[in-house]
Amino acid sequence: MTSIELDHTIVPARDKERAARFLARIFDLRYEGPIGPFIAVRLNDGLTFDFDDRGEHFEVHHYAFRVADRDFDALLARVQAEGIPWGSHPWSRTNRELNRDGGGRRFYFDDPDGHVLEAFTR
């Protein structure tokens, strides 16, 4: 099998600076700032999300983040502290319930640009 690793992905935003700082703050990630025309947030040693201004009209995406059990509660607390609606399924992102299917925990919420973010432990 070929050795392959995802290095970065472009995330469309209305305001790339605001979007990058939101993701970094909520997930407690490293904000790296401008990299060429993009604003980068480091997710791990090998991957950045590179935010790009796309105006008012772009397709929203779903981004799923597996987090350690020890980090899950702090992440949920940051979402709640900011008053961000959250819920148990992609189609139910406001019921303030955790999804425990499969033995782990997960929840969904929207970022400021409408992308659906999922945090899960397994």
PDB file of N, CA and C in Angstrom:
ATOM      1  N   MET A   1       0.838  -1.178   0.000  1.00  0.00           N
ATOM      2  CA  MET A   1       0.000   0.000   0.000  1.00  0.00           C
ATOM      3  C   MET A   1       0.884   1.242   0.000  1.00  0.00           C
ATOM      4  N   THR A   2       0.468   2.266  -0.707  1.00  0.00           N
ATOM      5  CA  THR A   2       1.177   3.528  -0.778  1.00  0.00           C
ATOM      6  C   THR A   2       1.094   4.260   0.552  1.00  0.00           C
ATOM      7  N   SER A   3       2.195   4.838   0.960  1.00  0.00           N
ATOM      8  CA  SER A   3       2.189   5.659   2.166  1.00  0.00           C
ATOM      9  C   SER A   3       1.628   7.027   1.798  1.00  0.00           C
ATOM     10  N   ILE A   4       0.573   7.431   2.499  1.00  0.00           N
ATOM     11  CA  ILE A   4      -0.068   8.701   2.191  1.00  0.00           C
ATOM     12  C   ILE A   4      -0.536   9.354   3.484  1.00  0.00           C
ATOM     13  N   GLU A   5      -0.449  10.655   3.530  1.00  0.00           N
ATOM     14  CA  GLU A   5      -0.864  11.395   4.718  1.00  0.00           C
ATOM     15  C   GLU A   5      -1.512  12.695   4.273  1.00  0.00           C
ATOM     16  N   LEU A   6      -2.674  13.004   4.814  1.00  0.00           N
ATOM     17  CA  LEU A   6      -3.326  14.276   4.519  1.00  0.00           C
ATOM     18  C   LEU A   6      -2.549  15.378   5.221  1.00  0.00           C
ATOM     19  N   ASP A   7      -2.124  16.378   4.480  1.00  0.00           N
ATOM     20  CA  ASP A   7      -1.308  17.463   5.005  1.00  0.00           C
ATOM     21  C   ASP A   7      -2.155  18.665   5.419  1.00  0.00           C
ATOM     22  N   HIS A   8      -3.117  19.044   4.586  1.00  0.00           N
ATOM     23  CA  HIS A   8      -3.986  20.177   4.883  1.00  0.00           C
ATOM     24  C   HIS A   8      -5.257  20.068   4.052  1.00  0.00           C
ATOM     25  N   THR A   9      -6.273  20.790   4.469  1.00  0.00           N
ATOM     26  CA  THR A   9      -7.486  20.916   3.675  1.00  0.00           C
ATOM     27  C   THR A   9      -7.944  22.359   3.756  1.00  0.00           C
ATOM     28  N   ILE A  10      -8.557  22.824   2.688  1.00  0.00           N
ATOM     29  CA  ILE A  10      -9.048  24.199   2.628  1.00  0.00           C
ATOM     30  C   ILE A  10     -10.476  24.220   3.168  1.00  0.00           C
ATOM     31  N   VAL A  11     -10.722  25.135   4.087  1.00  0.00           N
ATOM     32  CA  VAL A  11     -12.050  25.296   4.678  1.00  0.00           C
ATOM     33  C   VAL A  11     -12.600  26.648   4.225  1.00  0.00           C
ATOM     34  N   PRO A  12     -13.707  26.642   3.465  1.00  0.00           N
ATOM     35  CA  PRO A  12     -14.277  27.914   3.017  1.00  0.00           C
ATOM     36  C   PRO A  12     -14.917  28.671   4.181  1.00  0.00           C
ATOM     37  N   ALA A  13     -14.798  29.991   4.153  1.00  0.00           N
ATOM     38  CA  ALA A  13     -15.338  30.810   5.239  1.00  0.00           C
ATOM     39  C   ALA A  13     -15.760  32.177   4.707  1.00  0.00           C
ATOM     40  N   ARG A  14     -16.639  32.823   5.448  1.00  0.00           N
ATOM     41  CA  ARG A  14     -16.996  34.208   5.134  1.00  0.00           C
ATOM     42  C   ARG A  14     -15.897  35.155   5.633  1.00  0.00           C
ATOM     43  N   ASP A  15     -15.306  34.798   6.764  1.00  0.00           N
ATOM     44  CA  ASP A  15     -14.224  35.579   7.367  1.00  0.00           C
ATOM     45  C   ASP A  15     -13.208  34.569   7.891  1.00  0.00           C
ATOM     46  N   LYS A  16     -12.153  34.334   7.139  1.00  0.00           N
ATOM     47  CA  LYS A  16     -11.198  33.274   7.462  1.00  0.00           C
ATOM     48  C   LYS A  16     -10.543  33.461   8.822  1.00  0.00           C
ATOM     49  N   GLU A  17     -10.273  34.695   9.186  1.00  0.00           N
ATOM     50  CA  GLU A  17      -9.659  34.963  10.500  1.00  0.00           C
ATOM     51  C   GLU A  17     -10.604  34.554  11.625  1.00  0.00           C
ATOM     52  N   ARG A  18     -11.843  34.983  11.552  1.00  0.00           N
ATOM     53  CA  ARG A  18     -12.837  34.645  12.578  1.00  0.00           C
ATOM     54  C   ARG A  18     -13.041  33.133  12.655  1.00  0.00           C
ATOM     55  N   ALA A  19     -13.156  32.488  11.496  1.00  0.00           N
ATOM     56  CA  ALA A  19     -13.391  31.047  11.453  1.00  0.00           C
ATOM     57  C   ALA A  19     -12.222  30.265  12.049  1.00  0.00           C
ATOM     58  N   ALA A  20     -11.004  30.664  11.719  1.00  0.00           N
ATOM     59  CA  ALA A  20      -9.824  29.973  12.244  1.00  0.00           C
ATOM     60  C   ALA A  20      -9.706  30.150  13.747  1.00  0.00           C
ATOM     61  N   ARG A  21      -9.925  31.357  14.215  1.00  0.00           N
ATOM     62  CA  ARG A  21      -9.838  31.600  15.662  1.00  0.00           C
ATOM     63  C   ARG A  21     -10.935  30.860  16.422  1.00  0.00           C
ATOM     64  N   PHE A  22     -12.120  30.733  15.832  1.00  0.00           N
ATOM     65  CA  PHE A  22     -13.201  29.972  16.449  1.00  0.00           C
ATOM     66  C   PHE A  22     -12.789  28.510  16.626  1.00  0.00           C
ATOM     67  N   LEU A  23     -12.318  27.885  15.557  1.00  0.00           N
ATOM     68  CA  LEU A  23     -11.932  26.478  15.634  1.00  0.00           C
ATOM     69  C   LEU A  23     -10.813  26.280  16.653  1.00  0.00           C
ATOM     70  N   ALA A  24      -9.820  27.137  16.622  1.00  0.00           N
ATOM     71  CA  ALA A  24      -8.696  27.019  17.556  1.00  0.00           C
ATOM     72  C   ALA A  24      -9.169  27.165  19.000  1.00  0.00           C
ATOM     73  N   ARG A  25     -10.052  28.116  19.248  1.00  0.00           N
ATOM     74  CA  ARG A  25     -10.540  28.367  20.611  1.00  0.00           C
ATOM     75  C   ARG A  25     -11.404  27.203  21.108  1.00  0.00           C
ATOM     76  N   ILE A  26     -12.348  26.754  20.314  1.00  0.00           N
ATOM     77  CA  ILE A  26     -13.290  25.714  20.749  1.00  0.00           C
ATOM     78  C   ILE A  26     -12.578  24.376  20.949  1.00  0.00           C
ATOM     79  N   PHE A  27     -11.681  24.036  20.042  1.00  0.00           N
ATOM     80  CA  PHE A  27     -11.005  22.730  20.128  1.00  0.00           C
ATOM     81  C   PHE A  27      -9.657  22.812  20.840  1.00  0.00           C
ATOM     82  N   ASP A  28      -9.286  23.989  21.339  1.00  0.00           N
ATOM     83  CA  ASP A  28      -8.019  24.182  22.032  1.00  0.00           C
ATOM     84  C   ASP A  28      -6.848  23.746  21.137  1.00  0.00           C
ATOM     85  N   LEU A  29      -6.853  24.301  19.924  1.00  0.00           N
ATOM     86  CA  LEU A  29      -5.835  23.988  18.926  1.00  0.00           C
ATOM     87  C   LEU A  29      -4.889  25.166  18.740  1.00  0.00           C
ATOM     88  N   ARG A  30      -3.812  24.924  18.031  1.00  0.00           N
ATOM     89  CA  ARG A  30      -2.826  25.961  17.787  1.00  0.00           C
ATOM     90  C   ARG A  30      -3.193  26.778  16.547  1.00  0.00           C
ATOM     91  N   TYR A  31      -3.469  28.049  16.766  1.00  0.00           N
ATOM     92  CA  TYR A  31      -3.710  29.001  15.686  1.00  0.00           C
ATOM     93  C   TYR A  31      -2.352  29.373  15.108  1.00  0.00           C
ATOM     94  N   GLU A  32      -2.149  29.133  13.814  1.00  0.00           N
ATOM     95  CA  GLU A  32      -0.850  29.409  13.201  1.00  0.00           C
ATOM     96  C   GLU A  32      -0.835  30.704  12.409  1.00  0.00           C
ATOM     97  N   GLY A  33      -1.997  31.263  12.130  1.00  0.00           N
ATOM     98  CA  GLY A  33      -2.054  32.528  11.409  1.00  0.00           C
ATOM     99  C   GLY A  33      -1.864  32.365   9.915  1.00  0.00           C
ATOM    100  N   PRO A  34      -1.515  33.465   9.242  1.00  0.00           N
ATOM    101  CA  PRO A  34      -1.421  33.456   7.780  1.00  0.00           C
ATOM    102  C   PRO A  34      -0.336  32.514   7.256  1.00  0.00           C
ATOM    103  N   ILE A  35      -0.727  31.764   6.241  1.00  0.00           N
ATOM    104  CA  ILE A  35       0.190  30.945   5.445  1.00  0.00           C
ATOM    105  C   ILE A  35      -0.213  31.205   4.003  1.00  0.00           C
ATOM    106  N   GLY A  36       0.520  32.067   3.340  1.00  0.00           N
ATOM    107  CA  GLY A  36       0.109  32.500   2.005  1.00  0.00           C
ATOM    108  C   GLY A  36      -1.234  33.212   2.114  1.00  0.00           C
ATOM    109  N   PRO A  37      -2.189  32.853   1.257  1.00  0.00           N
ATOM    110  CA  PRO A  37      -3.495  33.514   1.299  1.00  0.00           C
ATOM    111  C   PRO A  37      -4.451  32.931   2.342  1.00  0.00           C
ATOM    112  N   PHE A  38      -4.012  31.937   3.092  1.00  0.00           N
ATOM    113  CA  PHE A  38      -4.873  31.219   4.027  1.00  0.00           C
ATOM    114  C   PHE A  38      -4.553  31.580   5.479  1.00  0.00           C
ATOM    115  N   ILE A  39      -5.455  31.211   6.373  1.00  0.00           N
ATOM    116  CA  ILE A  39      -5.222  31.291   7.819  1.00  0.00           C
ATOM    117  C   ILE A  39      -5.263  29.847   8.331  1.00  0.00           C
ATOM    118  N   ALA A  40      -4.193  29.401   8.965  1.00  0.00           N
ATOM    119  CA  ALA A  40      -4.060  27.993   9.331  1.00  0.00           C
ATOM    120  C   ALA A  40      -4.278  27.741  10.819  1.00  0.00           C
ATOM    121  N   VAL A  41      -4.871  26.581  11.088  1.00  0.00           N
ATOM    122  CA  VAL A  41      -5.001  26.046  12.440  1.00  0.00           C
ATOM    123  C   VAL A  41      -4.430  24.636  12.400  1.00  0.00           C
ATOM    124  N   ARG A  42      -3.502  24.363  13.308  1.00  0.00           N
ATOM    125  CA  ARG A  42      -2.869  23.042  13.357  1.00  0.00           C
ATOM    126  C   ARG A  42      -3.726  22.093  14.172  1.00  0.00           C
ATOM    127  N   LEU A  43      -4.163  20.980  13.532  1.00  0.00           N
ATOM    128  CA  LEU A  43      -4.963  19.968  14.217  1.00  0.00           C
ATOM    129  C   LEU A  43      -4.090  18.937  14.912  1.00  0.00           C
ATOM    130  N   ASN A  44      -2.979  18.583  14.277  1.00  0.00           N
ATOM    131  CA  ASN A  44      -2.028  17.632  14.861  1.00  0.00           C
ATOM    132  C   ASN A  44      -0.691  17.838  14.153  1.00  0.00           C
ATOM    133  N   ASP A  45       0.266  16.969  14.403  1.00  0.00           N
ATOM    134  CA  ASP A  45       1.604  17.156  13.834  1.00  0.00           C
ATOM    135  C   ASP A  45       1.618  17.217  12.311  1.00  0.00           C
ATOM    136  N   GLY A  46       0.659  16.557  11.655  1.00  0.00           N
ATOM    137  CA  GLY A  46       0.717  16.476  10.204  1.00  0.00           C
ATOM    138  C   GLY A  46      -0.405  17.161   9.456  1.00  0.00           C
ATOM    139  N   LEU A  47      -1.351  17.808  10.137  1.00  0.00           N
ATOM    140  CA  LEU A  47      -2.535  18.315   9.441  1.00  0.00           C
ATOM    141  C   LEU A  47      -2.904  19.720   9.888  1.00  0.00           C
ATOM    142  N   THR A  48      -3.150  20.591   8.912  1.00  0.00           N
ATOM    143  CA  THR A  48      -3.710  21.908   9.200  1.00  0.00           C
ATOM    144  C   THR A  48      -5.025  22.070   8.455  1.00  0.00           C
ATOM    145  N   PHE A  49      -5.915  22.862   9.039  1.00  0.00           N
ATOM    146  CA  PHE A  49      -7.083  23.382   8.344  1.00  0.00           C
ATOM    147  C   PHE A  49      -6.684  24.772   7.891  1.00  0.00           C
ATOM    148  N   ASP A  50      -6.759  25.014   6.598  1.00  0.00           N
ATOM    149  CA  ASP A  50      -6.378  26.301   6.025  1.00  0.00           C
ATOM    150  C   ASP A  50      -7.651  27.020   5.593  1.00  0.00           C
ATOM    151  N   PHE A  51      -8.010  28.061   6.318  1.00  0.00           N
ATOM    152  CA  PHE A  51      -9.248  28.794   6.060  1.00  0.00           C
ATOM    153  C   PHE A  51      -9.044  29.807   4.951  1.00  0.00           C
ATOM    154  N   ASP A  52     -10.062  29.913   4.081  1.00  0.00           N
ATOM    155  CA  ASP A  52      -9.992  30.802   2.930  1.00  0.00           C
ATOM    156  C   ASP A  52     -11.302  31.569   2.806  1.00  0.00           C
ATOM    157  N   ASP A  53     -11.222  32.874   2.575  1.00  0.00           N
ATOM    158  CA  ASP A  53     -12.419  33.683   2.363  1.00  0.00           C
ATOM    159  C   ASP A  53     -13.087  33.275   1.056  1.00  0.00           C
ATOM    160  N   ARG A  54     -14.390  32.993   1.137  1.00  0.00           N
ATOM    161  CA  ARG A  54     -15.138  32.589  -0.050  1.00  0.00           C
ATOM    162  C   ARG A  54     -16.404  33.406  -0.247  1.00  0.00           C
ATOM    163  N   GLY A  55     -16.534  34.530   0.439  1.00  0.00           N
ATOM    164  CA  GLY A  55     -17.725  35.356   0.275  1.00  0.00           C
ATOM    165  C   GLY A  55     -18.918  34.758   1.005  1.00  0.00           C
ATOM    166  N   GLU A  56     -20.094  35.046   0.515  1.00  0.00           N
ATOM    167  CA  GLU A  56     -21.324  34.617   1.186  1.00  0.00           C
ATOM    168  C   GLU A  56     -21.828  33.255   0.733  1.00  0.00           C
ATOM    169  N   HIS A  57     -21.397  32.782  -0.430  1.00  0.00           N
ATOM    170  CA  HIS A  57     -21.993  31.574  -0.996  1.00  0.00           C
ATOM    171  C   HIS A  57     -20.934  30.490  -1.204  1.00  0.00           C
ATOM    172  N   PHE A  58     -21.045  29.439  -0.430  1.00  0.00           N
ATOM    173  CA  PHE A  58     -20.175  28.276  -0.591  1.00  0.00           C
ATOM    174  C   PHE A  58     -20.883  27.079   0.029  1.00  0.00           C
ATOM    175  N   GLU A  59     -20.452  25.917  -0.344  1.00  0.00           N
ATOM    176  CA  GLU A  59     -21.019  24.685   0.190  1.00  0.00           C
ATOM    177  C   GLU A  59     -20.502  24.461   1.603  1.00  0.00           C
ATOM    178  N   VAL A  60     -21.416  24.173   2.521  1.00  0.00           N
ATOM    179  CA  VAL A  60     -20.973  23.868   3.880  1.00  0.00           C
ATOM    180  C   VAL A  60     -20.597  22.392   3.963  1.00  0.00           C
ATOM    181  N   HIS A  61     -19.679  22.089   4.873  1.00  0.00           N
ATOM    182  CA  HIS A  61     -19.149  20.737   5.003  1.00  0.00           C
ATOM    183  C   HIS A  61     -19.371  20.194   6.408  1.00  0.00           C
ATOM    184  N   HIS A  62     -19.116  18.914   6.550  1.00  0.00           N
ATOM    185  CA  HIS A  62     -19.155  18.226   7.844  1.00  0.00           C
ATOM    186  C   HIS A  62     -17.726  17.816   8.170  1.00  0.00           C
ATOM    187  N   TYR A  63     -17.251  18.237   9.337  1.00  0.00           N
ATOM    188  CA  TYR A  63     -15.914  17.877   9.800  1.00  0.00           C
ATOM    189  C   TYR A  63     -16.053  17.134  11.119  1.00  0.00           C
ATOM    190  N   ALA A  64     -15.530  15.920  11.170  1.00  0.00           N
ATOM    191  CA  ALA A  64     -15.642  15.078  12.367  1.00  0.00           C
ATOM    192  C   ALA A  64     -14.275  14.964  13.035  1.00  0.00           C
ATOM    193  N   PHE A  65     -14.255  15.199  14.346  1.00  0.00           N
ATOM    194  CA  PHE A  65     -13.019  15.190  15.114  1.00  0.00           C
ATOM    195  C   PHE A  65     -13.097  14.146  16.226  1.00  0.00           C
ATOM    196  N   ARG A  66     -12.215  13.157  16.168  1.00  0.00           N
ATOM    197  CA  ARG A  66     -12.119  12.200  17.274  1.00  0.00           C
ATOM    198  C   ARG A  66     -11.219  12.835  18.322  1.00  0.00           C
ATOM    199  N   VAL A  67     -11.733  12.911  19.546  1.00  0.00           N
ATOM    200  CA  VAL A  67     -10.983  13.512  20.652  1.00  0.00           C
ATOM    201  C   VAL A  67     -10.833  12.487  21.769  1.00  0.00           C
ATOM    202  N   ALA A  68      -9.816  12.663  22.569  1.00  0.00           N
ATOM    203  CA  ALA A  68      -9.590  11.771  23.708  1.00  0.00           C
ATOM    204  C   ALA A  68     -10.700  11.964  24.740  1.00  0.00           C
ATOM    205  N   ASP A  69     -11.034  10.900  25.431  1.00  0.00           N
ATOM    206  CA  ASP A  69     -12.036  10.983  26.496  1.00  0.00           C
ATOM    207  C   ASP A  69     -11.722  12.112  27.459  1.00  0.00           C
ATOM    208  N   ARG A  70     -10.439  12.273  27.804  1.00  0.00           N
ATOM    209  CA  ARG A  70     -10.041  13.282  28.788  1.00  0.00           C
ATOM    210  C   ARG A  70     -10.270  14.704  28.283  1.00  0.00           C
ATOM    211  N   ASP A  71     -10.378  14.910  26.957  1.00  0.00           N
ATOM    212  CA  ASP A  71     -10.575  16.236  26.378  1.00  0.00           C
ATOM    213  C   ASP A  71     -12.035  16.539  26.042  1.00  0.00           C
ATOM    214  N   PHE A  72     -12.856  15.512  25.987  1.00  0.00           N
ATOM    215  CA  PHE A  72     -14.236  15.669  25.529  1.00  0.00           C
ATOM    216  C   PHE A  72     -15.034  16.633  26.404  1.00  0.00           C
ATOM    217  N   ASP A  73     -14.973  16.459  27.719  1.00  0.00           N
ATOM    218  CA  ASP A  73     -15.769  17.302  28.619  1.00  0.00           C
ATOM    219  C   ASP A  73     -15.357  18.769  28.538  1.00  0.00           C
ATOM    220  N   ALA A  74     -14.061  19.035  28.425  1.00  0.00           N
ATOM    221  CA  ALA A  74     -13.592  20.417  28.312  1.00  0.00           C
ATOM    222  C   ALA A  74     -14.069  21.038  26.998  1.00  0.00           C
ATOM    223  N   LEU A  75     -14.059  20.274  25.922  1.00  0.00           N
ATOM    224  CA  LEU A  75     -14.547  20.748  24.633  1.00  0.00           C
ATOM    225  C   LEU A  75     -16.035  21.094  24.721  1.00  0.00           C
ATOM    226  N   LEU A  76     -16.822  20.189  25.274  1.00  0.00           N
ATOM    227  CA  LEU A  76     -18.252  20.442  25.425  1.00  0.00           C
ATOM    228  C   LEU A  76     -18.494  21.658  26.315  1.00  0.00           C
ATOM    229  N   ALA A  77     -17.714  21.806  27.366  1.00  0.00           N
ATOM    230  CA  ALA A  77     -17.863  22.966  28.260  1.00  0.00           C
ATOM    231  C   ALA A  77     -17.574  24.272  27.519  1.00  0.00           C
ATOM    232  N   ARG A  78     -16.589  24.289  26.620  1.00  0.00           N
ATOM    233  CA  ARG A  78     -16.300  25.506  25.851  1.00  0.00           C
ATOM    234  C   ARG A  78     -17.455  25.840  24.909  1.00  0.00           C
ATOM    235  N   VAL A  79     -18.032  24.821  24.280  1.00  0.00           N
ATOM    236  CA  VAL A  79     -19.188  25.035  23.402  1.00  0.00           C
ATOM    237  C   VAL A  79     -20.347  25.617  24.212  1.00  0.00           C
ATOM    238  N   GLN A  80     -20.614  25.028  25.365  1.00  0.00           N
ATOM    239  CA  GLN A  80     -21.712  25.510  26.204  1.00  0.00           C
ATOM    240  C   GLN A  80     -21.443  26.921  26.720  1.00  0.00           C
ATOM    241  N   ALA A  81     -20.214  27.207  27.126  1.00  0.00           N
ATOM    242  CA  ALA A  81     -19.874  28.532  27.665  1.00  0.00           C
ATOM    243  C   ALA A  81     -20.084  29.631  26.630  1.00  0.00           C
ATOM    244  N   GLU A  82     -19.915  29.302  25.351  1.00  0.00           N
ATOM    245  CA  GLU A  82     -20.122  30.285  24.290  1.00  0.00           C
ATOM    246  C   GLU A  82     -21.571  30.353  23.833  1.00  0.00           C
ATOM    247  N   GLY A  83     -22.431  29.540  24.435  1.00  0.00           N
ATOM    248  CA  GLY A  83     -23.846  29.560  24.075  1.00  0.00           C
ATOM    249  C   GLY A  83     -24.137  28.981  22.705  1.00  0.00           C
ATOM    250  N   ILE A  84     -23.289  28.087  22.235  1.00  0.00           N
ATOM    251  CA  ILE A  84     -23.461  27.476  20.920  1.00  0.00           C
ATOM    252  C   ILE A  84     -24.446  26.310  21.044  1.00  0.00           C
ATOM    253  N   PRO A  85     -25.511  26.303  20.249  1.00  0.00           N
ATOM    254  CA  PRO A  85     -26.424  25.153  20.264  1.00  0.00           C
ATOM    255  C   PRO A  85     -25.682  23.883  19.854  1.00  0.00           C
ATOM    256  N   TRP A  86     -26.031  22.766  20.496  1.00  0.00           N
ATOM    257  CA  TRP A  86     -25.386  21.495  20.186  1.00  0.00           C
ATOM    258  C   TRP A  86     -26.399  20.376  20.392  1.00  0.00           C
ATOM    259  N   GLY A  87     -26.122  19.227  19.778  1.00  0.00           N
ATOM    260  CA  GLY A  87     -27.061  18.122  19.907  1.00  0.00           C
ATOM    261  C   GLY A  87     -26.464  16.793  19.525  1.00  0.00           C
ATOM    262  N   SER A  88     -27.315  15.783  19.527  1.00  0.00           N
ATOM    263  CA  SER A  88     -26.886  14.395  19.450  1.00  0.00           C
ATOM    264  C   SER A  88     -26.727  13.825  18.044  1.00  0.00           C
ATOM    265  N   HIS A  89     -27.231  14.513  17.034  1.00  0.00           N
ATOM    266  CA  HIS A  89     -27.158  13.986  15.668  1.00  0.00           C
ATOM    267  C   HIS A  89     -26.979  15.141  14.679  1.00  0.00           C
ATOM    268  N   PRO A  90     -26.518  14.839  13.470  1.00  0.00           N
ATOM    269  CA  PRO A  90     -26.353  15.905  12.483  1.00  0.00           C
ATOM    270  C   PRO A  90     -27.676  16.600  12.148  1.00  0.00           C
ATOM    271  N   TRP A  91     -28.762  15.879  12.241  1.00  0.00           N
ATOM    272  CA  TRP A  91     -30.082  16.452  11.960  1.00  0.00           C
ATOM    273  C   TRP A  91     -30.747  16.997  13.227  1.00  0.00           C
ATOM    274  N   SER A  92     -30.089  16.863  14.354  1.00  0.00           N
ATOM    275  CA  SER A  92     -30.621  17.345  15.628  1.00  0.00           C
ATOM    276  C   SER A  92     -29.481  17.986  16.413  1.00  0.00           C
ATOM    277  N   ARG A  93     -29.069  19.169  15.962  1.00  0.00           N
ATOM    278  CA  ARG A  93     -27.900  19.831  16.540  1.00  0.00           C
ATOM    279  C   ARG A  93     -28.259  20.837  17.622  1.00  0.00           C
ATOM    280  N   THR A  94     -29.489  20.768  18.138  1.00  0.00           N
ATOM    281  CA  THR A  94     -29.889  21.736  19.164  1.00  0.00           C
ATOM    282  C   THR A  94     -30.571  21.103  20.371  1.00  0.00           C
ATOM    283  N   ASN A  95     -30.635  19.774  20.443  1.00  0.00           N
ATOM    284  CA  ASN A  95     -31.379  19.130  21.539  1.00  0.00           C
ATOM    285  C   ASN A  95     -30.591  19.018  22.842  1.00  0.00           C
ATOM    286  N   ARG A  96     -29.340  19.439  22.851  1.00  0.00           N
ATOM    287  CA  ARG A  96     -28.490  19.436  24.050  1.00  0.00           C
ATOM    288  C   ARG A  96     -28.404  18.042  24.697  1.00  0.00           C
ATOM    289  N   GLU A  97     -28.355  17.030  23.854  1.00  0.00           N
ATOM    290  CA  GLU A  97     -28.191  15.648  24.319  1.00  0.00           C
ATOM    291  C   GLU A  97     -26.959  15.050  23.660  1.00  0.00           C
ATOM    292  N   LEU A  98     -26.284  14.170  24.383  1.00  0.00           N
ATOM    293  CA  LEU A  98     -25.143  13.455  23.830  1.00  0.00           C
ATOM    294  C   LEU A  98     -25.618  12.197  23.120  1.00  0.00           C
ATOM    295  N   ASN A  99     -24.915  11.813  22.091  1.00  0.00           N
ATOM    296  CA  ASN A  99     -25.142  10.553  21.405  1.00  0.00           C
ATOM    297  C   ASN A  99     -24.158   9.550  22.012  1.00  0.00           C
ATOM    298  N   ARG A 100     -24.684   8.435  22.509  1.00  0.00           N
ATOM    299  CA  ARG A 100     -23.835   7.411  23.131  1.00  0.00           C
ATOM    300  C   ARG A 100     -23.844   6.109  22.338  1.00  0.00           C
ATOM    301  N   ASP A 101     -24.309   6.154  21.106  1.00  0.00           N
ATOM    302  CA  ASP A 101     -24.319   4.964  20.254  1.00  0.00           C
ATOM    303  C   ASP A 101     -22.888   4.474  20.053  1.00  0.00           C
ATOM    304  N   GLY A 102     -22.693   3.180  20.101  1.00  0.00           N
ATOM    305  CA  GLY A 102     -21.382   2.601  19.866  1.00  0.00           C
ATOM    306  C   GLY A 102     -20.435   2.657  21.048  1.00  0.00           C
ATOM    307  N   GLY A 103     -20.932   3.066  22.208  1.00  0.00           N
ATOM    308  CA  GLY A 103     -20.123   3.031  23.409  1.00  0.00           C
ATOM    309  C   GLY A 103     -19.343   4.295  23.710  1.00  0.00           C
ATOM    310  N   GLY A 104     -19.211   5.184  22.762  1.00  0.00           N
ATOM    311  CA  GLY A 104     -18.504   6.434  23.011  1.00  0.00           C
ATOM    312  C   GLY A 104     -19.494   7.555  23.266  1.00  0.00           C
ATOM    313  N   ARG A 105     -18.997   8.763  23.166  1.00  0.00           N
ATOM    314  CA  ARG A 105     -19.848   9.947  23.274  1.00  0.00           C
ATOM    315  C   ARG A 105     -19.583  10.827  22.066  1.00  0.00           C
ATOM    316  N   ARG A 106     -20.638  11.522  21.609  1.00  0.00           N
ATOM    317  CA  ARG A 106     -20.488  12.444  20.486  1.00  0.00           C
ATOM    318  C   ARG A 106     -21.544  13.520  20.553  1.00  0.00           C
ATOM    319  N   PHE A 107     -21.207  14.653  19.939  1.00  0.00           N
ATOM    320  CA  PHE A 107     -22.186  15.714  19.753  1.00  0.00           C
ATOM    321  C   PHE A 107     -21.830  16.505  18.503  1.00  0.00           C
ATOM    322  N   TYR A 108     -22.796  17.270  18.035  1.00  0.00           N
ATOM    323  CA  TYR A 108     -22.680  18.035  16.803  1.00  0.00           C
ATOM    324  C   TYR A 108     -23.039  19.485  17.075  1.00  0.00           C
ATOM    325  N   PHE A 109     -22.401  20.397  16.348  1.00  0.00           N
ATOM    326  CA  PHE A 109     -22.733  21.811  16.435  1.00  0.00           C
ATOM    327  C   PHE A 109     -22.255  22.500  15.167  1.00  0.00           C
ATOM    328  N   ASP A 110     -22.729  23.719  14.956  1.00  0.00           N
ATOM    329  CA  ASP A 110     -22.348  24.478  13.766  1.00  0.00           C
ATOM    330  C   ASP A 110     -21.268  25.494  14.107  1.00  0.00           C
ATOM    331  N   ASP A 111     -20.363  25.701  13.157  1.00  0.00           N
ATOM    332  CA  ASP A 111     -19.408  26.799  13.312  1.00  0.00           C
ATOM    333  C   ASP A 111     -20.068  28.080  12.782  1.00  0.00           C
ATOM    334  N   PRO A 112     -19.422  29.224  12.882  1.00  0.00           N
ATOM    335  CA  PRO A 112     -20.050  30.476  12.449  1.00  0.00           C
ATOM    336  C   PRO A 112     -20.434  30.522  10.968  1.00  0.00           C
ATOM    337  N   ASP A 113     -19.851  29.663  10.142  1.00  0.00           N
ATOM    338  CA  ASP A 113     -20.162  29.645   8.719  1.00  0.00           C
ATOM    339  C   ASP A 113     -21.154  28.549   8.336  1.00  0.00           C
ATOM    340  N   GLY A 114     -21.649  27.812   9.314  1.00  0.00           N
ATOM    341  CA  GLY A 114     -22.645  26.776   9.038  1.00  0.00           C
ATOM    342  C   GLY A 114     -22.074  25.393   8.796  1.00  0.00           C
ATOM    343  N   HIS A 115     -20.751  25.239   8.874  1.00  0.00           N
ATOM    344  CA  HIS A 115     -20.187  23.896   8.748  1.00  0.00           C
ATOM    345  C   HIS A 115     -20.618  23.095   9.987  1.00  0.00           C
ATOM    346  N   VAL A 116     -20.941  21.813   9.772  1.00  0.00           N
ATOM    347  CA  VAL A 116     -21.352  20.951  10.864  1.00  0.00           C
ATOM    348  C   VAL A 116     -20.106  20.301  11.455  1.00  0.00           C
ATOM    349  N   LEU A 117     -19.859  20.561  12.745  1.00  0.00           N
ATOM    350  CA  LEU A 117     -18.711  19.993  13.428  1.00  0.00           C
ATOM    351  C   LEU A 117     -19.183  18.881  14.345  1.00  0.00           C
ATOM    352  N   GLU A 118     -18.467  17.790  14.338  1.00  0.00           N
ATOM    353  CA  GLU A 118     -18.797  16.623  15.178  1.00  0.00           C
ATOM    354  C   GLU A 118     -17.586  16.331  16.047  1.00  0.00           C
ATOM    355  N   ALA A 119     -17.839  16.123  17.333  1.00  0.00           N
ATOM    356  CA  ALA A 119     -16.790  15.702  18.258  1.00  0.00           C
ATOM    357  C   ALA A 119     -17.202  14.358  18.831  1.00  0.00           C
ATOM    358  N   PHE A 120     -16.309  13.387  18.776  1.00  0.00           N
ATOM    359  CA  PHE A 120     -16.638  12.047  19.280  1.00  0.00           C
ATOM    360  C   PHE A 120     -15.427  11.396  19.918  1.00  0.00           C
ATOM    361  N   THR A 121     -15.698  10.427  20.790  1.00  0.00           N
ATOM    362  CA  THR A 121     -14.616   9.756  21.494  1.00  0.00           C
ATOM    363  C   THR A 121     -14.278   8.398  20.919  1.00  0.00           C
ATOM    364  N   ARG A 122     -15.160   7.750  20.195  1.00  0.00           N
ATOM    365  CA  ARG A 122     -14.876   6.439  19.570  1.00  0.00           C
ATOM    366  C   ARG A 122     -15.571   6.332  18.251  1.00  0.00           C
TER     367      ARG A 122
END
